[in-house]
Amino acid sequence: KLSRAVRYSKSDLLVWLKTCAKTSTAEQYQDDRRRPAA
């Protein structure tokens, strides 16, 4: 956050993509923050 401007670095986008990787549909809710609350 640079004053009112939002900026993303390419390296952060790539890291985030890697953390979203799944190998099975059973992992669907593993990272979902809404499910434990429900």
PDB file of all heavy atoms in Angstrom:
ATOM      1  N   LYS A   1       0.863  -1.170   0.000  1.00  0.00           N
ATOM      2  CA  LYS A   1       0.000   0.000   0.000  1.00  0.00           C
ATOM      3  C   LYS A   1       0.902   1.223   0.000  1.00  0.00           C
ATOM      4  O   LYS A   1       1.601   1.498   0.965  1.00  0.00           O
ATOM      5  CB  LYS A   1      -0.884  -0.035   1.256  1.00  0.00           C
ATOM      6  CG  LYS A   1      -1.941   1.015   1.271  1.00  0.00           C
ATOM      7  CD  LYS A   1      -3.123   0.591   0.458  1.00  0.00           C
ATOM      8  CE  LYS A   1      -4.184   1.654   0.700  1.00  0.00           C
ATOM      9  NZ  LYS A   1      -5.437   1.379   0.234  1.00  0.00           N
ATOM     10  N   LEU A   2       0.942   1.940  -1.098  1.00  0.00           N
ATOM     11  CA  LEU A   2       1.762   3.131  -1.254  1.00  0.00           C
ATOM     12  C   LEU A   2       0.818   4.324  -1.291  1.00  0.00           C
ATOM     13  O   LEU A   2       0.223   4.607  -2.324  1.00  0.00           O
ATOM     14  CB  LEU A   2       2.593   3.050  -2.538  1.00  0.00           C
ATOM     15  CG  LEU A   2       3.408   1.768  -2.702  1.00  0.00           C
ATOM     16  CD1 LEU A   2       3.989   1.671  -4.090  1.00  0.00           C
ATOM     17  CD2 LEU A   2       4.484   1.697  -1.648  1.00  0.00           C
ATOM     18  N   SER A   3       0.663   4.957  -0.140  1.00  0.00           N
ATOM     19  CA  SER A   3      -0.326   6.009   0.025  1.00  0.00           C
ATOM     20  C   SER A   3      -1.689   5.379  -0.247  1.00  0.00           C
ATOM     21  O   SER A   3      -2.086   4.486   0.486  1.00  0.00           O
ATOM     22  CB  SER A   3      -0.016   7.187  -0.887  1.00  0.00           C
ATOM     23  OG  SER A   3      -0.923   8.228  -0.654  1.00  0.00           O
ATOM     24  N   ARG A   4      -2.370   5.780  -1.314  1.00  0.00           N
ATOM     25  CA  ARG A   4      -3.670   5.189  -1.620  1.00  0.00           C
ATOM     26  C   ARG A   4      -3.585   4.129  -2.711  1.00  0.00           C
ATOM     27  O   ARG A   4      -4.584   3.508  -3.058  1.00  0.00           O
ATOM     28  CB  ARG A   4      -4.633   6.288  -2.043  1.00  0.00           C
ATOM     29  CG  ARG A   4      -4.964   7.213  -0.893  1.00  0.00           C
ATOM     30  CD  ARG A   4      -5.641   8.472  -1.330  1.00  0.00           C
ATOM     31  NE  ARG A   4      -6.918   8.225  -1.959  1.00  0.00           N
ATOM     32  CZ  ARG A   4      -7.681   9.172  -2.461  1.00  0.00           C
ATOM     33  NH1 ARG A   4      -7.295  10.424  -2.406  1.00  0.00           N
ATOM     34  NH2 ARG A   4      -8.827   8.885  -3.033  1.00  0.00           N
ATOM     35  N   ALA A   5      -2.399   3.930  -3.249  1.00  0.00           N
ATOM     36  CA  ALA A   5      -2.212   2.995  -4.359  1.00  0.00           C
ATOM     37  C   ALA A   5      -1.852   1.606  -3.861  1.00  0.00           C
ATOM     38  O   ALA A   5      -1.047   1.449  -2.950  1.00  0.00           O
ATOM     39  CB  ALA A   5      -1.113   3.511  -5.286  1.00  0.00           C
ATOM     40  N   VAL A   6      -2.463   0.602  -4.460  1.00  0.00           N
ATOM     41  CA  VAL A   6      -2.164  -0.799  -4.154  1.00  0.00           C
ATOM     42  C   VAL A   6      -1.279  -1.335  -5.268  1.00  0.00           C
ATOM     43  O   VAL A   6      -1.560  -1.139  -6.456  1.00  0.00           O
ATOM     44  CB  VAL A   6      -3.466  -1.624  -4.064  1.00  0.00           C
ATOM     45  CG1 VAL A   6      -3.162  -3.106  -3.930  1.00  0.00           C
ATOM     46  CG2 VAL A   6      -4.319  -1.138  -2.913  1.00  0.00           C
ATOM     47  N   ARG A   7      -0.212  -2.026  -4.893  1.00  0.00           N
ATOM     48  CA  ARG A   7       0.706  -2.599  -5.868  1.00  0.00           C
ATOM     49  C   ARG A   7       1.084  -4.017  -5.451  1.00  0.00           C
ATOM     50  O   ARG A   7       1.180  -4.323  -4.263  1.00  0.00           O
ATOM     51  CB  ARG A   7       1.984  -1.766  -6.000  1.00  0.00           C
ATOM     52  CG  ARG A   7       1.753  -0.356  -6.499  1.00  0.00           C
ATOM     53  CD  ARG A   7       1.306  -0.364  -7.958  1.00  0.00           C
ATOM     54  NE  ARG A   7       1.156   0.973  -8.484  1.00  0.00           N
ATOM     55  CZ  ARG A   7      -0.015   1.608  -8.600  1.00  0.00           C
ATOM     56  NH1 ARG A   7      -1.119   1.023  -8.211  1.00  0.00           N
ATOM     57  NH2 ARG A   7      -0.077   2.811  -9.105  1.00  0.00           N
ATOM     58  N   TYR A   8       1.299  -4.870  -6.450  1.00  0.00           N
ATOM     59  CA  TYR A   8       1.711  -6.254  -6.242  1.00  0.00           C
ATOM     60  C   TYR A   8       3.063  -6.466  -6.904  1.00  0.00           C
ATOM     61  O   TYR A   8       3.294  -5.987  -8.011  1.00  0.00           O
ATOM     62  CB  TYR A   8       0.715  -7.219  -6.889  1.00  0.00           C
ATOM     63  CG  TYR A   8      -0.659  -7.206  -6.281  1.00  0.00           C
ATOM     64  CD1 TYR A   8      -1.642  -6.354  -6.748  1.00  0.00           C
ATOM     65  CD2 TYR A   8      -0.976  -8.080  -5.252  1.00  0.00           C
ATOM     66  CE1 TYR A   8      -2.918  -6.350  -6.199  1.00  0.00           C
ATOM     67  CE2 TYR A   8      -2.243  -8.085  -4.701  1.00  0.00           C
ATOM     68  CZ  TYR A   8      -3.207  -7.221  -5.169  1.00  0.00           C
ATOM     69  OH  TYR A   8      -4.448  -7.228  -4.624  1.00  0.00           O
ATOM     70  N   SER A   9       3.937  -7.221  -6.256  1.00  0.00           N
ATOM     71  CA  SER A   9       5.185  -7.601  -6.921  1.00  0.00           C
ATOM     72  C   SER A   9       4.960  -8.953  -7.593  1.00  0.00           C
ATOM     73  O   SER A   9       4.205  -9.793  -7.103  1.00  0.00           O
ATOM     74  CB  SER A   9       6.343  -7.687  -5.927  1.00  0.00           C
ATOM     75  OG  SER A   9       6.213  -8.822  -5.116  1.00  0.00           O
ATOM     76  N   LYS A  10       5.615  -9.145  -8.729  1.00  0.00           N
ATOM     77  CA  LYS A  10       5.459 -10.402  -9.465  1.00  0.00           C
ATOM     78  C   LYS A  10       5.918 -11.592  -8.629  1.00  0.00           C
ATOM     79  O   LYS A  10       5.302 -12.646  -8.656  1.00  0.00           O
ATOM     80  CB  LYS A  10       6.241 -10.354 -10.780  1.00  0.00           C
ATOM     81  CG  LYS A  10       5.491  -9.714 -11.895  1.00  0.00           C
ATOM     82  CD  LYS A  10       6.192  -9.941 -13.210  1.00  0.00           C
ATOM     83  CE  LYS A  10       5.361  -9.395 -14.340  1.00  0.00           C
ATOM     84  NZ  LYS A  10       5.994  -9.618 -15.646  1.00  0.00           N
ATOM     85  N   SER A  11       6.986 -11.403  -7.856  1.00  0.00           N
ATOM     86  CA  SER A  11       7.480 -12.528  -7.056  1.00  0.00           C
ATOM     87  C   SER A  11       6.458 -12.929  -5.989  1.00  0.00           C
ATOM     88  O   SER A  11       6.270 -14.110  -5.726  1.00  0.00           O
ATOM     89  CB  SER A  11       8.830 -12.193  -6.423  1.00  0.00           C
ATOM     90  OG  SER A  11       8.717 -11.097  -5.555  1.00  0.00           O
ATOM     91  N   ASP A  12       5.755 -11.964  -5.391  1.00  0.00           N
ATOM     92  CA  ASP A  12       4.718 -12.292  -4.410  1.00  0.00           C
ATOM     93  C   ASP A  12       3.542 -13.012  -5.074  1.00  0.00           C
ATOM     94  O   ASP A  12       2.946 -13.921  -4.483  1.00  0.00           O
ATOM     95  CB  ASP A  12       4.215 -11.037  -3.700  1.00  0.00           C
ATOM     96  CG  ASP A  12       5.194 -10.515  -2.670  1.00  0.00           C
ATOM     97  OD1 ASP A  12       6.072 -11.290  -2.225  1.00  0.00           O
ATOM     98  OD2 ASP A  12       5.092  -9.329  -2.293  1.00  0.00           O
ATOM     99  N   LEU A  13       3.209 -12.621  -6.292  1.00  0.00           N
ATOM    100  CA  LEU A  13       2.132 -13.297  -7.011  1.00  0.00           C
ATOM    101  C   LEU A  13       2.499 -14.747  -7.299  1.00  0.00           C
ATOM    102  O   LEU A  13       1.672 -15.650  -7.143  1.00  0.00           O
ATOM    103  CB  LEU A  13       1.822 -12.561  -8.320  1.00  0.00           C
ATOM    104  CG  LEU A  13       1.265 -11.140  -8.178  1.00  0.00           C
ATOM    105  CD1 LEU A  13       1.125 -10.498  -9.559  1.00  0.00           C
ATOM    106  CD2 LEU A  13      -0.046 -11.126  -7.431  1.00  0.00           C
ATOM    107  N   LEU A  14       3.752 -14.974  -7.691  1.00  0.00           N
ATOM    108  CA  LEU A  14       4.200 -16.340  -7.972  1.00  0.00           C
ATOM    109  C   LEU A  14       4.233 -17.194  -6.708  1.00  0.00           C
ATOM    110  O   LEU A  14       3.848 -18.370  -6.736  1.00  0.00           O
ATOM    111  CB  LEU A  14       5.569 -16.317  -8.652  1.00  0.00           C
ATOM    112  CG  LEU A  14       5.581 -15.721 -10.060  1.00  0.00           C
ATOM    113  CD1 LEU A  14       7.007 -15.542 -10.555  1.00  0.00           C
ATOM    114  CD2 LEU A  14       4.772 -16.579 -11.018  1.00  0.00           C
ATOM    115  N   VAL A  15       4.674 -16.611  -5.592  1.00  0.00           N
ATOM    116  CA  VAL A  15       4.679 -17.343  -4.316  1.00  0.00           C
ATOM    117  C   VAL A  15       3.250 -17.714  -3.936  1.00  0.00           C
ATOM    118  O   VAL A  15       2.972 -18.845  -3.517  1.00  0.00           O
ATOM    119  CB  VAL A  15       5.354 -16.503  -3.205  1.00  0.00           C
ATOM    120  CG1 VAL A  15       5.080 -17.090  -1.833  1.00  0.00           C
ATOM    121  CG2 VAL A  15       6.838 -16.392  -3.455  1.00  0.00           C
ATOM    122  N   TRP A  16       2.324 -16.793  -4.085  1.00  0.00           N
ATOM    123  CA  TRP A  16       0.924 -17.054  -3.737  1.00  0.00           C
ATOM    124  C   TRP A  16       0.355 -18.163  -4.620  1.00  0.00           C
ATOM    125  O   TRP A  16      -0.358 -19.044  -4.134  1.00  0.00           O
ATOM    126  CB  TRP A  16       0.100 -15.775  -3.878  1.00  0.00           C
ATOM    127  CG  TRP A  16      -1.331 -15.962  -3.527  1.00  0.00           C
ATOM    128  CD1 TRP A  16      -1.869 -16.123  -2.285  1.00  0.00           C
ATOM    129  CD2 TRP A  16      -2.426 -16.015  -4.438  1.00  0.00           C
ATOM    130  NE1 TRP A  16      -3.223 -16.268  -2.373  1.00  0.00           N
ATOM    131  CE2 TRP A  16      -3.595 -16.201  -3.692  1.00  0.00           C
ATOM    132  CE3 TRP A  16      -2.525 -15.909  -5.820  1.00  0.00           C
ATOM    133  CZ2 TRP A  16      -4.847 -16.292  -4.270  1.00  0.00           C
ATOM    134  CZ3 TRP A  16      -3.780 -16.003  -6.405  1.00  0.00           C
ATOM    135  CH2 TRP A  16      -4.917 -16.191  -5.626  1.00  0.00           C
ATOM    136  N   LEU A  17       0.696 -18.139  -5.913  1.00  0.00           N
ATOM    137  CA  LEU A  17       0.234 -19.202  -6.810  1.00  0.00           C
ATOM    138  C   LEU A  17       0.735 -20.563  -6.352  1.00  0.00           C
ATOM    139  O   LEU A  17       0.001 -21.548  -6.384  1.00  0.00           O
ATOM    140  CB  LEU A  17       0.706 -18.936  -8.239  1.00  0.00           C
ATOM    141  CG  LEU A  17      -0.096 -17.927  -9.039  1.00  0.00           C
ATOM    142  CD1 LEU A  17       0.576 -17.666 -10.379  1.00  0.00           C
ATOM    143  CD2 LEU A  17      -1.517 -18.399  -9.238  1.00  0.00           C
ATOM    144  N   LYS A  18       1.985 -20.622  -5.925  1.00  0.00           N
ATOM    145  CA  LYS A  18       2.543 -21.898  -5.457  1.00  0.00           C
ATOM    146  C   LYS A  18       1.829 -22.397  -4.211  1.00  0.00           C
ATOM    147  O   LYS A  18       1.615 -23.595  -4.050  1.00  0.00           O
ATOM    148  CB  LYS A  18       4.036 -21.758  -5.186  1.00  0.00           C
ATOM    149  CG  LYS A  18       4.860 -21.643  -6.449  1.00  0.00           C
ATOM    150  CD  LYS A  18       6.332 -21.488  -6.147  1.00  0.00           C
ATOM    151  CE  LYS A  18       7.127 -21.281  -7.413  1.00  0.00           C
ATOM    152  NZ  LYS A  18       8.555 -21.117  -7.140  1.00  0.00           N
ATOM    153  N   THR A  19       1.444 -21.495  -3.317  1.00  0.00           N
ATOM    154  CA  THR A  19       0.751 -21.921  -2.093  1.00  0.00           C
ATOM    155  C   THR A  19      -0.670 -22.377  -2.373  1.00  0.00           C
ATOM    156  O   THR A  19      -1.256 -23.090  -1.557  1.00  0.00           O
ATOM    157  CB  THR A  19       0.712 -20.806  -1.033  1.00  0.00           C
ATOM    158  OG1 THR A  19      -0.036 -19.703  -1.524  1.00  0.00           O
ATOM    159  CG2 THR A  19       2.103 -20.369  -0.642  1.00  0.00           C
ATOM    160  N   CYS A  20      -1.222 -22.005  -3.523  1.00  0.00           N
ATOM    161  CA  CYS A  20      -2.586 -22.410  -3.880  1.00  0.00           C
ATOM    162  C   CYS A  20      -2.625 -23.760  -4.585  1.00  0.00           C
ATOM    163  O   CYS A  20      -3.705 -24.261  -4.895  1.00  0.00           O
ATOM    164  CB  CYS A  20      -3.219 -21.351  -4.784  1.00  0.00           C
ATOM    165  SG  CYS A  20      -3.533 -19.790  -3.964  1.00  0.00           S
ATOM    166  N   ALA A  21      -1.489 -24.346  -4.849  1.00  0.00           N
ATOM    167  CA  ALA A  21      -1.436 -25.600  -5.596  1.00  0.00           C
ATOM    168  C   ALA A  21      -2.073 -26.742  -4.798  1.00  0.00           C
ATOM    169  O   ALA A  21      -1.872 -26.859  -3.595  1.00  0.00           O
ATOM    170  CB  ALA A  21       0.006 -25.946  -5.938  1.00  0.00           C
ATOM    171  N   LYS A  22      -2.849 -27.553  -5.467  1.00  0.00           N
ATOM    172  CA  LYS A  22      -3.514 -28.712  -4.865  1.00  0.00           C
ATOM    173  C   LYS A  22      -3.194 -29.942  -5.697  1.00  0.00           C
ATOM    174  O   LYS A  22      -2.945 -29.856  -6.891  1.00  0.00           O
ATOM    175  CB  LYS A  22      -5.033 -28.512  -4.850  1.00  0.00           C
ATOM    176  CG  LYS A  22      -5.505 -27.239  -4.200  1.00  0.00           C
ATOM    177  CD  LYS A  22      -5.454 -27.343  -2.720  1.00  0.00           C
ATOM    178  CE  LYS A  22      -6.076 -26.099  -2.119  1.00  0.00           C
ATOM    179  NZ  LYS A  22      -5.384 -25.588  -1.016  1.00  0.00           N
ATOM    180  N   THR A  23      -3.221 -31.092  -5.064  1.00  0.00           N
ATOM    181  CA  THR A  23      -3.009 -32.338  -5.790  1.00  0.00           C
ATOM    182  C   THR A  23      -4.253 -33.203  -5.817  1.00  0.00           C
ATOM    183  O   THR A  23      -4.290 -34.217  -6.494  1.00  0.00           O
ATOM    184  CB  THR A  23      -1.858 -33.149  -5.159  1.00  0.00           C
ATOM    185  OG1 THR A  23      -2.157 -33.368  -3.794  1.00  0.00           O
ATOM    186  CG2 THR A  23      -0.545 -32.408  -5.299  1.00  0.00           C
ATOM    187  N   SER A  24      -5.281 -32.815  -5.056  1.00  0.00           N
ATOM    188  CA  SER A  24      -6.489 -33.620  -4.976  1.00  0.00           C
ATOM    189  C   SER A  24      -7.683 -32.720  -4.679  1.00  0.00           C
ATOM    190  O   SER A  24      -7.553 -31.698  -4.004  1.00  0.00           O
ATOM    191  CB  SER A  24      -6.339 -34.656  -3.853  1.00  0.00           C
ATOM    192  OG  SER A  24      -7.566 -35.244  -3.542  1.00  0.00           O
ATOM    193  N   THR A  25      -8.851 -33.151  -5.143  1.00  0.00           N
ATOM    194  CA  THR A  25     -10.059 -32.389  -4.817  1.00  0.00           C
ATOM    195  C   THR A  25     -10.410 -32.507  -3.337  1.00  0.00           C
ATOM    196  O   THR A  25     -11.174 -31.710  -2.812  1.00  0.00           O
ATOM    197  CB  THR A  25     -11.257 -32.854  -5.660  1.00  0.00           C
ATOM    198  OG1 THR A  25     -11.442 -34.258  -5.449  1.00  0.00           O
ATOM    199  CG2 THR A  25     -11.033 -32.561  -7.125  1.00  0.00           C
ATOM    200  N   ALA A  26      -9.845 -33.484  -2.653  1.00  0.00           N
ATOM    201  CA  ALA A  26     -10.072 -33.624  -1.215  1.00  0.00           C
ATOM    202  C   ALA A  26      -9.443 -32.475  -0.441  1.00  0.00           C
ATOM    203  O   ALA A  26      -9.811 -32.212   0.696  1.00  0.00           O
ATOM    204  CB  ALA A  26      -9.517 -34.955  -0.712  1.00  0.00           C
ATOM    205  N   GLU A  27      -8.496 -31.770  -1.047  1.00  0.00           N
ATOM    206  CA  GLU A  27      -7.851 -30.632  -0.407  1.00  0.00           C
ATOM    207  C   GLU A  27      -8.646 -29.344  -0.593  1.00  0.00           C
ATOM    208  O   GLU A  27      -8.205 -28.288  -0.199  1.00  0.00           O
ATOM    209  CB  GLU A  27      -6.453 -30.428  -0.991  1.00  0.00           C
ATOM    210  CG  GLU A  27      -5.507 -31.570  -0.755  1.00  0.00           C
ATOM    211  CD  GLU A  27      -4.184 -31.305  -1.448  1.00  0.00           C
ATOM    212  OE1 GLU A  27      -3.507 -30.338  -1.046  1.00  0.00           O
ATOM    213  OE2 GLU A  27      -3.841 -32.044  -2.377  1.00  0.00           O
ATOM    214  N   GLN A  28      -9.820 -29.431  -1.162  1.00  0.00           N
ATOM    215  CA  GLN A  28     -10.616 -28.267  -1.519  1.00  0.00           C
ATOM    216  C   GLN A  28     -10.817 -27.303  -0.358  1.00  0.00           C
ATOM    217  O   GLN A  28     -10.673 -26.105  -0.502  1.00  0.00           O
ATOM    218  CB  GLN A  28     -11.964 -28.711  -2.061  1.00  0.00           C
ATOM    219  CG  GLN A  28     -12.893 -27.564  -2.403  1.00  0.00           C
ATOM    220  CD  GLN A  28     -14.226 -28.063  -2.912  1.00  0.00           C
ATOM    221  OE1 GLN A  28     -14.417 -29.268  -3.055  1.00  0.00           O
ATOM    222  NE2 GLN A  28     -15.125 -27.170  -3.188  1.00  0.00           N
ATOM    223  N   TYR A  29     -11.161 -27.800   0.810  1.00  0.00           N
ATOM    224  CA  TYR A  29     -11.493 -26.936   1.933  1.00  0.00           C
ATOM    225  C   TYR A  29     -10.346 -26.760   2.920  1.00  0.00           C
ATOM    226  O   TYR A  29     -10.528 -26.165   3.960  1.00  0.00           O
ATOM    227  CB  TYR A  29     -12.714 -27.472   2.667  1.00  0.00           C
ATOM    228  CG  TYR A  29     -13.942 -27.463   1.797  1.00  0.00           C
ATOM    229  CD1 TYR A  29     -14.472 -28.640   1.303  1.00  0.00           C
ATOM    230  CD2 TYR A  29     -14.546 -26.262   1.460  1.00  0.00           C
ATOM    231  CE1 TYR A  29     -15.587 -28.633   0.494  1.00  0.00           C
ATOM    232  CE2 TYR A  29     -15.661 -26.241   0.650  1.00  0.00           C
ATOM    233  CZ  TYR A  29     -16.188 -27.425   0.176  1.00  0.00           C
ATOM    234  OH  TYR A  29     -17.284 -27.406  -0.623  1.00  0.00           O
ATOM    235  N   GLN A  30      -9.189 -27.264   2.594  1.00  0.00           N
ATOM    236  CA  GLN A  30      -8.057 -27.198   3.510  1.00  0.00           C
ATOM    237  C   GLN A  30      -7.706 -25.764   3.876  1.00  0.00           C
ATOM    238  O   GLN A  30      -7.453 -25.458   5.027  1.00  0.00           O
ATOM    239  CB  GLN A  30      -6.852 -27.889   2.888  1.00  0.00           C
ATOM    240  CG  GLN A  30      -5.631 -27.879   3.781  1.00  0.00           C
ATOM    241  CD  GLN A  30      -4.480 -28.628   3.149  1.00  0.00           C
ATOM    242  OE1 GLN A  30      -4.655 -29.317   2.159  1.00  0.00           O
ATOM    243  NE2 GLN A  30      -3.311 -28.479   3.710  1.00  0.00           N
ATOM    244  N   ASP A  31      -7.697 -24.869   2.901  1.00  0.00           N
ATOM    245  CA  ASP A  31      -7.323 -23.483   3.153  1.00  0.00           C
ATOM    246  C   ASP A  31      -8.516 -22.549   3.259  1.00  0.00           C
ATOM    247  O   ASP A  31      -8.345 -21.357   3.422  1.00  0.00           O
ATOM    248  CB  ASP A  31      -6.404 -22.980   2.038  1.00  0.00           C
ATOM    249  CG  ASP A  31      -5.095 -23.730   2.012  1.00  0.00           C
ATOM    250  OD1 ASP A  31      -4.660 -24.165   3.092  1.00  0.00           O
ATOM    251  OD2 ASP A  31      -4.524 -23.889   0.934  1.00  0.00           O
ATOM    252  N   ASP A  32      -9.729 -23.053   3.156  1.00  0.00           N
ATOM    253  CA  ASP A  32     -10.917 -22.208   3.182  1.00  0.00           C
ATOM    254  C   ASP A  32     -11.176 -21.724   4.602  1.00  0.00           C
ATOM    255  O   ASP A  32     -11.441 -22.502   5.502  1.00  0.00           O
ATOM    256  CB  ASP A  32     -12.117 -22.992   2.650  1.00  0.00           C
ATOM    257  CG  ASP A  32     -13.301 -22.102   2.357  1.00  0.00           C
ATOM    258  OD1 ASP A  32     -13.266 -20.922   2.748  1.00  0.00           O
ATOM    259  OD2 ASP A  32     -14.257 -22.589   1.739  1.00  0.00           O
ATOM    260  N   ARG A  33     -11.110 -20.427   4.801  1.00  0.00           N
ATOM    261  CA  ARG A  33     -11.263 -19.854   6.143  1.00  0.00           C
ATOM    262  C   ARG A  33     -12.717 -19.841   6.599  1.00  0.00           C
ATOM    263  O   ARG A  33     -13.003 -19.709   7.766  1.00  0.00           O
ATOM    264  CB  ARG A  33     -10.712 -18.435   6.166  1.00  0.00           C
ATOM    265  CG  ARG A  33      -9.235 -18.398   5.918  1.00  0.00           C
ATOM    266  CD  ARG A  33      -8.784 -16.992   5.727  1.00  0.00           C
ATOM    267  NE  ARG A  33      -7.402 -17.001   5.289  1.00  0.00           N
ATOM    268  CZ  ARG A  33      -6.468 -16.263   5.813  1.00  0.00           C
ATOM    269  NH1 ARG A  33      -6.755 -15.419   6.751  1.00  0.00           N
ATOM    270  NH2 ARG A  33      -5.246 -16.333   5.383  1.00  0.00           N
ATOM    271  N   ARG A  34     -13.645 -19.935   5.665  1.00  0.00           N
ATOM    272  CA  ARG A  34     -15.057 -19.856   6.035  1.00  0.00           C
ATOM    273  C   ARG A  34     -15.582 -21.177   6.580  1.00  0.00           C
ATOM    274  O   ARG A  34     -16.494 -21.201   7.372  1.00  0.00           O
ATOM    275  CB  ARG A  34     -15.878 -19.436   4.827  1.00  0.00           C
ATOM    276  CG  ARG A  34     -15.597 -17.998   4.431  1.00  0.00           C
ATOM    277  CD  ARG A  34     -16.203 -17.700   3.119  1.00  0.00           C
ATOM    278  NE  ARG A  34     -15.417 -18.423   2.115  1.00  0.00           N
ATOM    279  CZ  ARG A  34     -15.442 -18.167   0.839  1.00  0.00           C
ATOM    280  NH1 ARG A  34     -16.199 -17.228   0.390  1.00  0.00           N
ATOM    281  NH2 ARG A  34     -14.701 -18.844  -0.003  1.00  0.00           N
ATOM    282  N   ARG A  35     -15.019 -22.279   6.157  1.00  0.00           N
ATOM    283  CA  ARG A  35     -15.550 -23.584   6.557  1.00  0.00           C
ATOM    284  C   ARG A  35     -15.461 -23.843   8.067  1.00  0.00           C
ATOM    285  O   ARG A  35     -16.453 -24.263   8.657  1.00  0.00           O
ATOM    286  CB  ARG A  35     -14.865 -24.695   5.778  1.00  0.00           C
ATOM    287  CG  ARG A  35     -15.485 -26.034   6.064  1.00  0.00           C
ATOM    288  CD  ARG A  35     -14.861 -27.130   5.225  1.00  0.00           C
ATOM    289  NE  ARG A  35     -15.331 -28.410   5.668  1.00  0.00           N
ATOM    290  CZ  ARG A  35     -16.134 -29.190   4.975  1.00  0.00           C
ATOM    291  NH1 ARG A  35     -16.556 -28.811   3.804  1.00  0.00           N
ATOM    292  NH2 ARG A  35     -16.519 -30.348   5.449  1.00  0.00           N
ATOM    293  N   PRO A  36     -14.331 -23.598   8.736  1.00  0.00           N
ATOM    294  CA  PRO A  36     -14.295 -23.863  10.174  1.00  0.00           C
ATOM    295  C   PRO A  36     -15.328 -23.043  10.953  1.00  0.00           C
ATOM    296  O   PRO A  36     -15.913 -23.522  11.902  1.00  0.00           O
ATOM    297  CB  PRO A  36     -12.882 -23.464  10.585  1.00  0.00           C
ATOM    298  CG  PRO A  36     -12.082 -23.600   9.341  1.00  0.00           C
ATOM    299  CD  PRO A  36     -13.025 -23.230   8.237  1.00  0.00           C
ATOM    300  N   ALA A  37     -15.578 -21.824  10.509  1.00  0.00           N
ATOM    301  CA  ALA A  37     -16.575 -21.000  11.189  1.00  0.00           C
ATOM    302  C   ALA A  37     -17.958 -21.631  11.048  1.00  0.00           C
ATOM    303  O   ALA A  37     -18.737 -21.658  11.990  1.00  0.00           O
ATOM    304  CB  ALA A  37     -16.564 -19.587  10.623  1.00  0.00           C
ATOM    305  N   ALA A  38     -18.274 -22.148   9.866  1.00  0.00           N
ATOM    306  CA  ALA A  38     -19.561 -22.796   9.662  1.00  0.00           C
ATOM    307  C   ALA A  38     -19.660 -24.045  10.518  1.00  0.00           C
ATOM    308  O   ALA A  38     -20.697 -24.325  11.121  1.00  0.00           O
ATOM    309  CB  ALA A  38     -19.746 -23.134   8.185  1.00  0.00           C
TER     310      ALA A  38
END
